[in-house]
Protein backbone atom coordinates (compact mmCIF):
# COMPACT_ATOMS: atom_id res chain seq x y z
CA UNK A 1 20.98 -5.36 -47.98
CA UNK A 2 18.67 -6.13 -44.97
CA UNK A 3 18.45 -4.00 -41.91
CA UNK A 4 21.01 -4.79 -39.21
CA UNK A 5 19.32 -6.18 -36.06
CA UNK A 6 20.84 -5.50 -32.65
CA UNK A 7 21.42 -8.33 -30.24
CA UNK A 8 18.71 -6.96 -27.91
CA UNK A 9 16.19 -6.85 -30.78
CA UNK A 10 17.19 -10.32 -31.98
CA UNK A 11 16.34 -11.37 -28.33
CA UNK A 12 13.18 -9.45 -28.45
CA UNK A 13 12.00 -11.39 -31.81
CA UNK A 14 13.13 -14.76 -30.61
CA UNK A 15 11.86 -14.46 -26.99
CA UNK A 16 14.89 -14.82 -24.60
CA UNK A 17 14.56 -17.59 -22.23
CA UNK A 18 11.73 -19.17 -24.30
CA UNK A 19 9.18 -16.78 -23.17
CA UNK A 20 6.40 -15.13 -25.29
CA UNK A 21 4.93 -11.82 -24.44
CA UNK A 22 6.02 -8.22 -24.24
CA UNK A 23 9.77 -7.17 -23.74
CA UNK A 24 10.43 -6.41 -20.27
CA UNK A 25 12.21 -3.08 -20.58
CA UNK A 26 9.18 -1.77 -22.66
CA UNK A 27 6.76 -2.99 -19.96
CA UNK A 28 8.83 -1.29 -17.24
CA UNK A 29 9.17 1.96 -19.13
CA UNK A 30 5.19 2.01 -19.76
CA UNK A 31 4.35 1.65 -16.19
CA UNK A 32 6.57 4.52 -15.03
CA UNK A 33 9.67 2.83 -13.73
CA UNK A 34 11.81 4.96 -15.87
CA UNK A 35 12.91 5.70 -19.56
CA UNK A 36 13.35 2.83 -21.76
CA UNK A 37 17.26 3.24 -21.45
CA UNK A 38 16.88 3.48 -17.74
CA UNK A 39 14.94 0.19 -17.73
CA UNK A 40 17.42 -1.53 -19.77
CA UNK A 41 20.17 -0.36 -17.56
CA UNK A 42 18.21 -1.78 -14.61
CA UNK A 43 18.05 -5.16 -16.22
CA UNK A 44 21.58 -5.08 -17.46
CA UNK A 45 22.70 -4.42 -13.69
CA UNK A 46 20.72 -7.47 -12.28
CA UNK A 47 18.22 -5.17 -10.52
CA UNK A 48 15.10 -6.86 -12.10
CA UNK A 49 13.61 -10.16 -11.52
CA UNK A 50 11.00 -12.04 -13.16
CA UNK A 51 9.18 -14.89 -11.02
CA UNK A 52 12.11 -14.99 -8.67
CA UNK A 53 14.96 -15.13 -11.26
CA UNK A 54 17.32 -12.27 -12.31
CA UNK A 55 16.10 -11.10 -15.81
CA UNK A 56 18.31 -10.41 -18.89
CA UNK A 57 17.84 -7.91 -21.62
CA UNK A 58 15.27 -9.17 -24.19
CA UNK A 59 13.44 -11.14 -21.76
CA UNK A 60 9.69 -11.41 -22.75
CA UNK A 61 7.02 -11.59 -20.06
CA UNK A 62 3.32 -12.53 -19.69
CA UNK A 63 1.82 -9.64 -18.25
CA UNK A 64 -1.13 -11.72 -16.78
CA UNK A 65 1.09 -13.97 -14.76
CA UNK A 66 4.48 -12.70 -14.24
CA UNK A 67 5.70 -11.40 -10.92
CA UNK A 68 8.17 -8.59 -11.92
CA UNK A 69 10.34 -7.00 -9.16
CA UNK A 70 12.80 -4.05 -9.33
CA UNK A 71 15.27 -3.94 -6.35
CA UNK A 72 12.81 -6.29 -4.52
CA UNK A 73 9.73 -4.13 -5.09
CA UNK A 74 6.91 -5.84 -6.89
CA UNK A 75 5.71 -3.84 -9.95
CA UNK A 76 2.15 -4.08 -11.10
CA UNK A 77 2.00 -4.65 -14.92
CA UNK A 78 -1.16 -6.64 -15.37
CA UNK A 79 -3.40 -4.89 -17.89
CA UNK A 80 -6.38 -3.03 -16.26
CA UNK A 81 -4.79 -2.39 -12.84
CA UNK A 82 -6.29 0.57 -10.98
CA UNK A 83 -5.40 2.13 -7.69
CA UNK A 84 -7.84 4.47 -5.87
CA UNK A 85 -7.36 6.59 -2.74
CA UNK A 86 -10.62 7.48 -1.02
CA UNK A 87 -11.36 9.52 1.98
CA UNK A 88 -13.94 7.28 3.68
CA UNK A 89 -16.80 8.95 5.64
CA UNK A 90 -18.35 7.76 8.84
CA UNK A 91 -21.09 5.02 8.59
CA UNK A 92 -19.60 3.65 5.27
CA UNK A 93 -18.34 0.07 5.53
CA UNK A 94 -14.95 -0.86 4.23
CA UNK A 95 -15.95 -3.83 2.41
CA UNK A 96 -16.99 -5.02 -1.14
CA UNK A 97 -20.52 -5.58 -0.27
CA UNK A 98 -22.89 -5.97 2.70
CA UNK A 99 -25.84 -8.45 3.22
CA UNK A 100 -27.88 -5.79 4.95
CA UNK A 101 -27.57 -3.24 2.11
CA UNK A 102 -25.63 -0.60 4.03
CA UNK A 103 -23.40 1.75 2.09
CA UNK A 104 -19.83 0.40 1.21
CA UNK A 105 -16.78 2.02 0.01
CA UNK A 106 -16.95 0.25 -3.36
CA UNK A 107 -20.01 2.17 -4.03
CA UNK A 108 -18.09 5.51 -3.72
CA UNK A 109 -15.64 4.52 -6.64
CA UNK A 110 -16.18 3.26 -10.23
CA UNK A 111 -17.63 -0.22 -10.53
CA UNK A 112 -15.53 -1.24 -13.55
CA UNK A 113 -13.11 -2.64 -13.16
CA UNK A 114 -13.99 -4.07 -9.74
CA UNK A 115 -11.82 -3.17 -7.04
CA UNK A 116 -11.62 -4.21 -3.30
CA UNK A 117 -10.52 -2.20 -0.20
CA UNK A 118 -7.01 -2.75 1.07
CA UNK A 119 -7.08 -3.56 4.81
CA UNK A 120 -9.96 -2.43 7.11
CA UNK A 121 -11.44 0.68 8.61
CA UNK A 122 -14.27 0.45 11.11
CA UNK A 123 -17.70 2.01 10.04
CA UNK A 124 -17.08 4.65 12.60
CA UNK A 125 -13.60 5.60 11.59
CA UNK A 126 -12.94 8.14 8.87
CA UNK A 127 -9.94 8.75 6.64
CA UNK A 128 -7.74 7.21 3.85
CA UNK A 129 -8.36 3.92 2.36
CA UNK A 130 -6.82 2.46 -0.71
CA UNK A 131 -8.91 0.38 -3.13
CA UNK A 132 -7.44 -1.65 -6.03
CA UNK A 133 -7.51 -4.82 -8.04
CA UNK A 134 -3.75 -5.24 -7.74
CA UNK A 135 -3.52 -8.45 -5.65
CA UNK A 136 0.07 -8.58 -5.24
CA UNK A 137 0.29 -5.06 -3.88
CA UNK A 138 -2.69 -5.75 -1.62
CA UNK A 139 -1.09 -8.74 -0.02
CA UNK A 140 2.07 -6.98 0.73
CA UNK A 141 0.25 -3.79 2.14
CA UNK A 142 -1.85 -6.23 4.55
CA UNK A 143 0.71 -8.72 5.57
CA UNK A 144 2.15 -7.91 8.97
CA UNK A 145 5.54 -8.97 7.92
CA UNK A 146 6.02 -5.84 5.74
CA UNK A 147 5.03 -3.42 8.51
CA UNK A 148 3.52 -0.47 6.46
CA UNK A 149 2.78 2.39 8.63
CA UNK A 150 -0.58 3.89 9.14
CA UNK A 151 -0.99 7.24 10.81
CA UNK A 152 -4.19 8.50 12.75
CA UNK A 153 -5.24 11.60 14.21
CA UNK A 154 -7.25 10.63 17.39
CA UNK A 155 -9.48 12.92 19.52
CA UNK A 156 -9.91 11.26 22.83
CA UNK A 157 -11.71 11.83 26.11
CA UNK A 158 -9.55 13.50 28.73
CA UNK A 159 -6.08 14.88 28.26
CA UNK A 160 -3.23 12.42 27.78
CA UNK A 161 -0.05 12.92 29.93
CA UNK A 162 3.42 12.19 29.00
CA UNK A 163 3.21 9.00 30.84
CA UNK A 164 0.20 7.91 28.79
CA UNK A 165 2.03 8.69 25.41
CA UNK A 166 5.06 6.69 26.68
CA UNK A 167 2.90 3.61 27.29
CA UNK A 168 1.42 4.05 23.83
CA UNK A 169 5.00 4.32 22.34
CA UNK A 170 6.15 1.29 24.25
CA UNK A 171 3.24 -1.19 23.53
CA UNK A 172 -0.07 -1.87 25.23
CA UNK A 173 -1.13 -5.13 26.51
CA UNK A 174 -4.26 -6.16 24.81
CA UNK A 175 -6.53 -9.24 25.12
CA UNK A 176 -4.81 -10.61 21.95
CA UNK A 177 -1.33 -9.92 22.99
CA UNK A 178 0.97 -6.84 23.32
CA UNK A 179 0.96 -4.15 20.61
CA UNK A 180 4.18 -3.36 18.82
CA UNK A 181 5.94 0.07 19.65
CA UNK A 182 4.22 2.90 18.07
CA UNK A 183 4.81 6.70 17.60
CA UNK A 184 2.61 8.92 19.78
CA UNK A 185 2.63 12.66 19.81
CA UNK A 186 0.15 15.32 21.31
CA UNK A 187 -1.13 17.60 18.83
CA UNK A 188 -3.72 19.38 21.21
CA UNK A 189 -4.83 18.78 24.60
CA UNK A 190 -7.13 15.88 23.73
CA UNK A 191 -5.82 15.13 20.15
CA UNK A 192 -3.10 12.61 19.60
CA UNK A 193 -1.01 11.47 16.30
CA UNK A 194 -0.69 7.88 16.43
CA UNK A 195 1.45 5.91 14.04
CA UNK A 196 1.23 2.05 13.90
CA UNK A 197 2.30 -0.58 11.62
CA UNK A 198 -0.12 -3.49 12.78
CA UNK A 199 -3.63 -4.09 11.41
CA UNK A 200 -5.70 -5.61 14.32
CA UNK A 201 -9.15 -5.14 14.68
CA UNK A 202 -10.08 -1.77 16.20
CA UNK A 203 -6.46 -1.62 17.49
CA UNK A 204 -6.31 2.25 17.79
CA UNK A 205 -9.56 2.29 19.83
CA UNK A 206 -8.50 -0.58 21.94
CA UNK A 207 -5.15 1.02 22.72
CA UNK A 208 -6.62 4.41 23.87
CA UNK A 209 -9.37 2.53 25.90
CA UNK A 210 -6.54 0.65 27.61
CA UNK A 211 -4.77 3.90 28.80
CA UNK A 212 -8.01 5.48 29.95
CA UNK A 213 -8.69 7.70 27.05
CA UNK A 214 -11.62 6.41 24.88
CA UNK A 215 -11.71 7.58 21.27
CA UNK A 216 -14.20 10.32 20.26
CA UNK A 217 -13.24 10.63 16.59
CA UNK A 218 -10.66 8.77 14.67
CA UNK A 219 -9.18 9.71 11.28
CA UNK A 220 -6.54 7.84 9.24
CA UNK A 221 -4.28 10.44 7.73
CA UNK A 222 -1.55 8.43 5.93
CA UNK A 223 -0.91 5.04 4.48
CA UNK A 224 2.77 4.41 4.16
CA UNK A 225 4.00 7.21 1.83
CA UNK A 226 0.45 8.19 0.90
CA UNK A 227 -1.29 11.27 2.30
CA UNK A 228 -3.67 13.77 0.82
CA UNK A 229 -5.23 16.59 3.11
CA UNK A 230 -7.12 17.90 0.17
CA UNK A 231 -9.34 14.96 -0.31
CA UNK A 232 -12.86 15.66 1.08
CA UNK A 233 -14.88 12.92 2.95
CA UNK A 234 -16.61 10.61 0.40
CA UNK A 235 -14.22 11.78 -2.49
CA UNK A 236 -11.65 9.60 -4.30
CA UNK A 237 -8.86 9.94 -6.90
CA UNK A 238 -6.46 7.56 -8.74
CA UNK A 239 -3.07 7.21 -7.49
CA UNK A 240 -0.30 8.92 -9.53
CA UNK A 241 2.29 6.70 -10.98
CA UNK A 242 4.81 8.05 -8.50
CA UNK A 243 2.58 7.08 -5.66
CA UNK A 244 2.12 3.59 -6.79
CA UNK A 245 5.94 3.25 -7.23
CA UNK A 246 6.31 4.56 -3.74
CA UNK A 247 3.94 2.04 -2.25
CA UNK A 248 5.76 -0.64 -4.17
CA UNK A 249 9.01 0.45 -2.62
CA UNK A 250 7.54 0.55 0.76
CA UNK A 251 6.25 -2.97 0.82
CA UNK A 252 9.75 -4.18 -0.24
CA UNK A 253 11.69 -2.30 2.45
CA UNK A 254 9.33 -1.80 5.39
CA UNK A 255 9.97 -5.03 7.13
CA UNK A 256 8.71 -5.07 10.72
CA UNK A 257 11.46 -4.19 13.37
CA UNK A 258 10.21 -5.99 16.44
CA UNK A 259 12.08 -3.60 18.48
CA UNK A 260 10.49 -0.46 17.27
CA UNK A 261 9.25 1.43 14.23
């Protein structure tokens, strides 16, 4: 007598929905969403979608083209995806290349596979920067509609008062329009922790200039849920699986609240 094949395995062999590729629950388990059983439960409960359609058990997916989401969070499954966290030093450009031959952030990480910086940091700004070849995650992290927070420690000239901090929290009128409400706290007499969710050019510097306290030193200390105080300037590391999952969740839930953050 031949082996008995379960319904799920039959679906696996025939390609549910007419798709070729790898079983969805196996893919999700491999990239760290959970155990195979947990992933099967997620699919059975309608919490997983493929290309905008609710998935079913046994669904096969093309890893190169499928957009897979769990509870609305995009899950990077394409082979060869890498995610680096870099502590960018001063005078290194946050770009993939520079016509003038100046040092860039991609020169501080492995060159294979090729990665790109997520968002921008000025040459004279230090701190955390993500680099990846994950295009969907990059899009969501940089698109203003997702409102992912960025936290900075800012050394300024002078000593900001409570009134200045209140102005920063409420929003500053800049030449390209008012900034969204921010979080601002005084860490020392001339050091402010500022948290924003926009990505305008030199925004933090312009905000501080507008309230009469030009920036002396600017360091980004957090990107959404990602922070690492132990990473030295110029050093990088690969993101852990749980950090990648946290970023994916952040870009699915952190929609901009126009009344505050």
